[in-house]
N, C-alpha and C. Protein backbone atom coordinates (compact mmCIF):
# COMPACT_ATOMS: atom_id res chain seq x y z
N UNK A 1 -12.09 11.22 -2.41
CA UNK A 1 -10.83 10.52 -2.29
C UNK A 1 -11.12 9.10 -1.80
N UNK A 2 -10.31 8.16 -2.27
CA UNK A 2 -10.43 6.75 -1.89
C UNK A 2 -9.13 6.33 -1.22
N UNK A 3 -9.23 5.69 -0.06
CA UNK A 3 -8.07 5.29 0.73
C UNK A 3 -8.03 3.77 0.88
N UNK A 4 -6.83 3.21 0.79
CA UNK A 4 -6.63 1.77 0.97
C UNK A 4 -5.59 1.59 2.08
N UNK A 5 -5.96 0.88 3.14
CA UNK A 5 -5.12 0.73 4.32
C UNK A 5 -4.75 -0.74 4.53
N UNK A 6 -3.44 -1.00 4.65
CA UNK A 6 -2.92 -2.35 4.88
C UNK A 6 -2.06 -2.37 6.14
N UNK A 7 -2.02 -3.53 6.79
CA UNK A 7 -1.12 -3.76 7.92
C UNK A 7 -0.16 -4.89 7.53
N UNK A 8 1.12 -4.69 7.83
CA UNK A 8 2.15 -5.69 7.52
C UNK A 8 2.98 -5.99 8.75
N UNK A 9 3.28 -7.25 8.96
CA UNK A 9 4.26 -7.66 9.95
C UNK A 9 5.50 -8.08 9.18
N UNK A 10 6.57 -7.32 9.37
CA UNK A 10 7.79 -7.52 8.60
C UNK A 10 8.67 -8.56 9.28
N UNK A 11 9.32 -9.41 8.49
CA UNK A 11 10.24 -10.40 9.03
C UNK A 11 11.40 -9.70 9.74
N UNK A 12 11.90 -10.28 10.83
CA UNK A 12 13.02 -9.67 11.55
C UNK A 12 14.21 -9.45 10.61
N UNK A 13 14.79 -8.27 10.68
CA UNK A 13 15.95 -7.94 9.86
C UNK A 13 15.63 -7.39 8.49
N UNK A 14 14.36 -7.37 8.11
CA UNK A 14 13.96 -6.90 6.78
C UNK A 14 13.30 -5.52 6.81
N UNK A 15 13.35 -4.85 7.95
CA UNK A 15 12.64 -3.58 8.10
C UNK A 15 13.11 -2.53 7.09
N UNK A 16 14.40 -2.35 6.93
CA UNK A 16 14.91 -1.32 6.01
C UNK A 16 14.53 -1.64 4.57
N UNK A 17 14.63 -2.89 4.18
CA UNK A 17 14.24 -3.28 2.82
C UNK A 17 12.75 -3.07 2.60
N UNK A 18 11.95 -3.44 3.60
CA UNK A 18 10.51 -3.24 3.51
C UNK A 18 10.20 -1.75 3.30
N UNK A 19 10.82 -0.90 4.10
CA UNK A 19 10.58 0.54 4.00
C UNK A 19 10.96 1.07 2.61
N UNK A 20 12.01 0.51 2.02
CA UNK A 20 12.42 0.99 0.69
C UNK A 20 11.46 0.54 -0.41
N UNK A 21 10.74 -0.54 -0.19
CA UNK A 21 9.78 -1.04 -1.18
C UNK A 21 8.40 -0.42 -0.99
N UNK A 22 7.98 -0.27 0.26
CA UNK A 22 6.61 0.15 0.56
C UNK A 22 6.47 1.63 0.93
N UNK A 23 7.57 2.33 1.06
CA UNK A 23 7.52 3.74 1.43
C UNK A 23 7.03 4.64 0.30
N UNK A 24 6.89 5.94 0.57
CA UNK A 24 6.32 6.87 -0.39
C UNK A 24 7.14 7.05 -1.67
N UNK A 25 8.38 6.58 -1.68
CA UNK A 25 9.21 6.64 -2.88
C UNK A 25 9.63 5.23 -3.34
N UNK A 26 8.98 4.24 -2.77
CA UNK A 26 9.34 2.85 -3.04
C UNK A 26 8.74 2.29 -4.32
N UNK A 27 8.96 1.01 -4.50
CA UNK A 27 8.53 0.32 -5.72
C UNK A 27 7.02 0.40 -5.93
N UNK A 28 6.25 0.27 -4.86
CA UNK A 28 4.79 0.36 -5.01
C UNK A 28 4.38 1.75 -5.48
N UNK A 29 4.94 2.77 -4.86
CA UNK A 29 4.60 4.14 -5.24
C UNK A 29 4.99 4.40 -6.70
N UNK A 30 6.13 3.89 -7.12
CA UNK A 30 6.55 4.09 -8.51
C UNK A 30 5.58 3.40 -9.48
N UNK A 31 5.08 2.23 -9.10
CA UNK A 31 4.07 1.58 -9.94
C UNK A 31 2.80 2.42 -9.99
N UNK A 32 2.33 2.85 -8.83
CA UNK A 32 1.09 3.62 -8.77
C UNK A 32 1.21 4.96 -9.49
N UNK A 33 2.39 5.56 -9.47
CA UNK A 33 2.59 6.87 -10.09
C UNK A 33 2.37 6.87 -11.60
N UNK A 34 2.23 5.71 -12.18
CA UNK A 34 1.93 5.63 -13.61
C UNK A 34 0.52 6.14 -13.90
N UNK A 35 -0.28 6.34 -12.87
CA UNK A 35 -1.66 6.78 -13.02
C UNK A 35 -1.86 8.14 -12.35
N UNK A 36 -2.44 9.07 -13.07
CA UNK A 36 -2.65 10.41 -12.52
C UNK A 36 -3.67 10.44 -11.38
N UNK A 37 -4.45 9.38 -11.22
CA UNK A 37 -5.44 9.32 -10.14
C UNK A 37 -4.81 8.94 -8.79
N UNK A 38 -3.56 8.49 -8.82
CA UNK A 38 -2.85 8.14 -7.59
C UNK A 38 -2.40 9.43 -6.91
N UNK A 39 -2.70 9.55 -5.62
CA UNK A 39 -2.42 10.78 -4.89
C UNK A 39 -1.31 10.66 -3.86
N UNK A 40 -0.82 9.45 -3.62
CA UNK A 40 0.29 9.30 -2.69
C UNK A 40 0.15 8.13 -1.75
N UNK A 41 1.28 7.80 -1.10
CA UNK A 41 1.36 6.72 -0.13
C UNK A 41 1.98 7.25 1.15
N UNK A 42 1.46 6.79 2.27
CA UNK A 42 2.04 7.09 3.58
C UNK A 42 2.40 5.77 4.24
N UNK A 43 3.55 5.73 4.89
CA UNK A 43 4.01 4.54 5.59
C UNK A 43 4.16 4.89 7.06
N UNK A 44 3.56 4.08 7.92
CA UNK A 44 3.59 4.30 9.36
C UNK A 44 4.17 3.06 10.04
N UNK A 45 5.04 3.28 11.02
CA UNK A 45 5.61 2.18 11.80
C UNK A 45 5.06 2.25 13.22
N UNK A 46 4.55 1.14 13.70
CA UNK A 46 3.98 1.07 15.04
C UNK A 46 5.09 1.30 16.08
N UNK A 47 4.87 2.22 16.99
CA UNK A 47 5.89 2.53 17.99
C UNK A 47 5.99 1.47 19.08
N UNK A 48 4.94 0.70 19.29
CA UNK A 48 4.96 -0.35 20.31
C UNK A 48 5.35 -1.72 19.76
N UNK A 49 5.15 -1.90 18.48
CA UNK A 49 5.49 -3.17 17.82
C UNK A 49 6.30 -2.80 16.57
N UNK A 50 7.62 -2.68 16.69
CA UNK A 50 8.43 -2.09 15.62
C UNK A 50 8.48 -2.85 14.29
N UNK A 51 7.97 -4.05 14.24
CA UNK A 51 7.93 -4.77 12.95
C UNK A 51 6.55 -4.70 12.31
N UNK A 52 5.65 -3.90 12.90
CA UNK A 52 4.31 -3.71 12.35
C UNK A 52 4.26 -2.36 11.64
N UNK A 53 3.81 -2.39 10.40
CA UNK A 53 3.69 -1.18 9.59
C UNK A 53 2.27 -1.07 9.03
N UNK A 54 1.87 0.15 8.78
CA UNK A 54 0.62 0.44 8.07
C UNK A 54 0.98 1.22 6.81
N UNK A 55 0.35 0.85 5.71
CA UNK A 55 0.47 1.66 4.49
C UNK A 55 -0.91 2.22 4.16
N UNK A 56 -0.90 3.46 3.73
CA UNK A 56 -2.13 4.14 3.34
C UNK A 56 -1.92 4.70 1.94
N UNK A 57 -2.63 4.16 0.97
CA UNK A 57 -2.56 4.63 -0.41
C UNK A 57 -3.78 5.49 -0.70
N UNK A 58 -3.55 6.62 -1.36
CA UNK A 58 -4.62 7.56 -1.65
C UNK A 58 -4.84 7.64 -3.16
N UNK A 59 -6.10 7.55 -3.55
CA UNK A 59 -6.51 7.62 -4.95
C UNK A 59 -7.63 8.64 -5.10
N UNK A 60 -7.82 9.17 -6.27
CA UNK A 60 -8.87 10.17 -6.48
C UNK A 60 -10.26 9.55 -6.32
N UNK A 61 -10.41 8.26 -6.65
CA UNK A 61 -11.71 7.60 -6.51
C UNK A 61 -11.52 6.09 -6.47
N UNK A 62 -12.52 5.41 -6.00
CA UNK A 62 -12.50 3.94 -5.98
C UNK A 62 -12.42 3.39 -7.41
N UNK A 63 -13.19 3.98 -8.31
CA UNK A 63 -13.18 3.53 -9.69
C UNK A 63 -11.80 3.64 -10.33
N UNK A 64 -11.11 4.73 -10.06
CA UNK A 64 -9.76 4.91 -10.61
C UNK A 64 -8.82 3.85 -10.07
N UNK A 65 -8.92 3.56 -8.77
CA UNK A 65 -8.08 2.53 -8.16
C UNK A 65 -8.37 1.16 -8.77
N UNK A 66 -9.63 0.81 -8.89
CA UNK A 66 -9.99 -0.50 -9.44
C UNK A 66 -9.59 -0.63 -10.90
N UNK A 67 -9.73 0.45 -11.64
CA UNK A 67 -9.31 0.46 -13.05
C UNK A 67 -7.80 0.25 -13.15
N UNK A 68 -7.06 0.93 -12.30
CA UNK A 68 -5.60 0.76 -12.28
C UNK A 68 -5.24 -0.69 -11.98
N UNK A 69 -5.88 -1.29 -10.98
CA UNK A 69 -5.60 -2.69 -10.61
C UNK A 69 -5.85 -3.63 -11.78
N UNK A 70 -6.89 -3.37 -12.55
CA UNK A 70 -7.19 -4.22 -13.71
C UNK A 70 -6.13 -4.04 -14.81
N UNK A 71 -5.80 -2.79 -15.10
CA UNK A 71 -4.84 -2.51 -16.18
C UNK A 71 -3.43 -3.00 -15.85
N UNK A 72 -3.08 -3.01 -14.59
CA UNK A 72 -1.72 -3.35 -14.17
C UNK A 72 -1.69 -4.62 -13.31
N UNK A 73 -2.59 -5.53 -13.57
CA UNK A 73 -2.72 -6.74 -12.74
C UNK A 73 -1.43 -7.55 -12.69
N UNK A 74 -0.76 -7.71 -13.81
CA UNK A 74 0.47 -8.52 -13.84
C UNK A 74 1.58 -7.87 -13.01
N UNK A 75 1.78 -6.57 -13.19
CA UNK A 75 2.82 -5.86 -12.43
C UNK A 75 2.49 -5.86 -10.94
N UNK A 76 1.22 -5.67 -10.62
CA UNK A 76 0.76 -5.65 -9.23
C UNK A 76 1.05 -7.01 -8.58
N UNK A 77 0.69 -8.08 -9.25
CA UNK A 77 0.90 -9.43 -8.70
C UNK A 77 2.38 -9.74 -8.52
N UNK A 78 3.19 -9.33 -9.48
CA UNK A 78 4.63 -9.57 -9.39
C UNK A 78 5.24 -8.84 -8.20
N UNK A 79 4.89 -7.59 -8.04
CA UNK A 79 5.42 -6.81 -6.93
C UNK A 79 4.90 -7.34 -5.59
N UNK A 80 3.66 -7.77 -5.56
CA UNK A 80 3.09 -8.35 -4.35
C UNK A 80 3.85 -9.61 -3.95
N UNK A 81 4.18 -10.45 -4.91
CA UNK A 81 4.93 -11.68 -4.64
C UNK A 81 6.32 -11.36 -4.08
N UNK A 82 6.96 -10.34 -4.61
CA UNK A 82 8.27 -9.93 -4.10
C UNK A 82 8.16 -9.44 -2.66
N UNK A 83 7.10 -8.68 -2.39
CA UNK A 83 6.90 -8.15 -1.05
C UNK A 83 6.62 -9.23 -0.02
N UNK A 84 6.01 -10.31 -0.44
CA UNK A 84 5.71 -11.40 0.49
C UNK A 84 6.98 -12.01 1.08
N UNK A 85 8.10 -11.88 0.39
CA UNK A 85 9.37 -12.40 0.92
C UNK A 85 9.86 -11.57 2.10
N UNK A 86 9.33 -10.35 2.26
CA UNK A 86 9.77 -9.46 3.33
C UNK A 86 8.86 -9.50 4.55
N UNK A 87 7.70 -10.10 4.42
CA UNK A 87 6.71 -10.03 5.49
C UNK A 87 6.28 -11.41 5.99
N UNK A 88 5.85 -11.44 7.24
CA UNK A 88 5.29 -12.66 7.82
C UNK A 88 3.78 -12.69 7.66
N UNK A 89 3.18 -11.53 7.75
CA UNK A 89 1.72 -11.41 7.63
C UNK A 89 1.37 -10.10 6.95
N UNK A 90 0.29 -10.13 6.21
CA UNK A 90 -0.26 -8.89 5.68
C UNK A 90 -1.77 -8.98 5.79
N UNK A 91 -2.37 -7.83 6.05
CA UNK A 91 -3.82 -7.82 6.24
C UNK A 91 -4.40 -6.53 5.69
N UNK A 92 -5.38 -6.68 4.82
CA UNK A 92 -6.09 -5.52 4.32
C UNK A 92 -7.02 -5.05 5.43
N UNK A 93 -6.83 -3.82 5.89
CA UNK A 93 -7.63 -3.30 7.00
C UNK A 93 -8.89 -2.61 6.53
N UNK A 94 -8.78 -1.83 5.45
CA UNK A 94 -9.95 -1.08 5.01
C UNK A 94 -9.72 -0.45 3.65
N UNK A 95 -10.81 -0.28 2.92
CA UNK A 95 -10.86 0.55 1.72
C UNK A 95 -11.99 1.53 1.99
N UNK A 96 -11.67 2.81 1.96
CA UNK A 96 -12.59 3.82 2.45
C UNK A 96 -12.82 4.90 1.39
N UNK A 97 -14.08 5.17 1.12
CA UNK A 97 -14.44 6.32 0.30
C UNK A 97 -14.49 7.51 1.24
N UNK A 98 -13.43 8.30 1.27
CA UNK A 98 -13.32 9.39 2.23
C UNK A 98 -14.22 10.56 1.89
N UNK A 99 -14.81 10.57 0.71
CA UNK A 99 -15.69 11.67 0.33
C UNK A 99 -17.12 11.49 0.84
N UNK A 100 -17.47 10.25 1.19
CA UNK A 100 -18.85 10.04 1.64
C UNK A 100 -18.96 10.29 3.14
N UNK A 101 -20.09 10.72 3.54
CA UNK A 101 -20.36 11.01 4.95
C UNK A 101 -20.62 9.70 5.70
N UNK A 102 -20.09 9.62 6.91
CA UNK A 102 -20.34 8.45 7.76
C UNK A 102 -21.75 8.48 8.31
N UNK A 103 -22.39 9.62 8.16
CA UNK A 103 -23.78 9.76 8.39
C UNK A 103 -24.37 9.80 9.68
C-alpha cells in the first residue's frame, strides 16, 4: 500500500467547504475513484488547532498513484487550484510505501 499525507491550514470560515471538498466523499475522492488502485481517503482535524487538517490518501502502490497523476494531470491541477482558495497553507508531509519494512 502507498500512502500520501498532506497538512492544510484552512482559511477562517471555510472549514465546512474544505471538509466537503477534501473529505472521503469529496471532490478529490471522486476524482481518485476513477482508478481501481485508489483505496480511500481519510480526513483528520487537529483538536488543538481547529483550522489544521490532515488528509491521508491510500493507493495500492506508488506506481499506480504516479500513473494516475500523469493520466489525470489537468483535472488534478484544476481541483488543486480550486482548493487553494480554501486554504492559507498546504504542506506535503510524506509519501510512504507502507508495504516496505522500516528495517
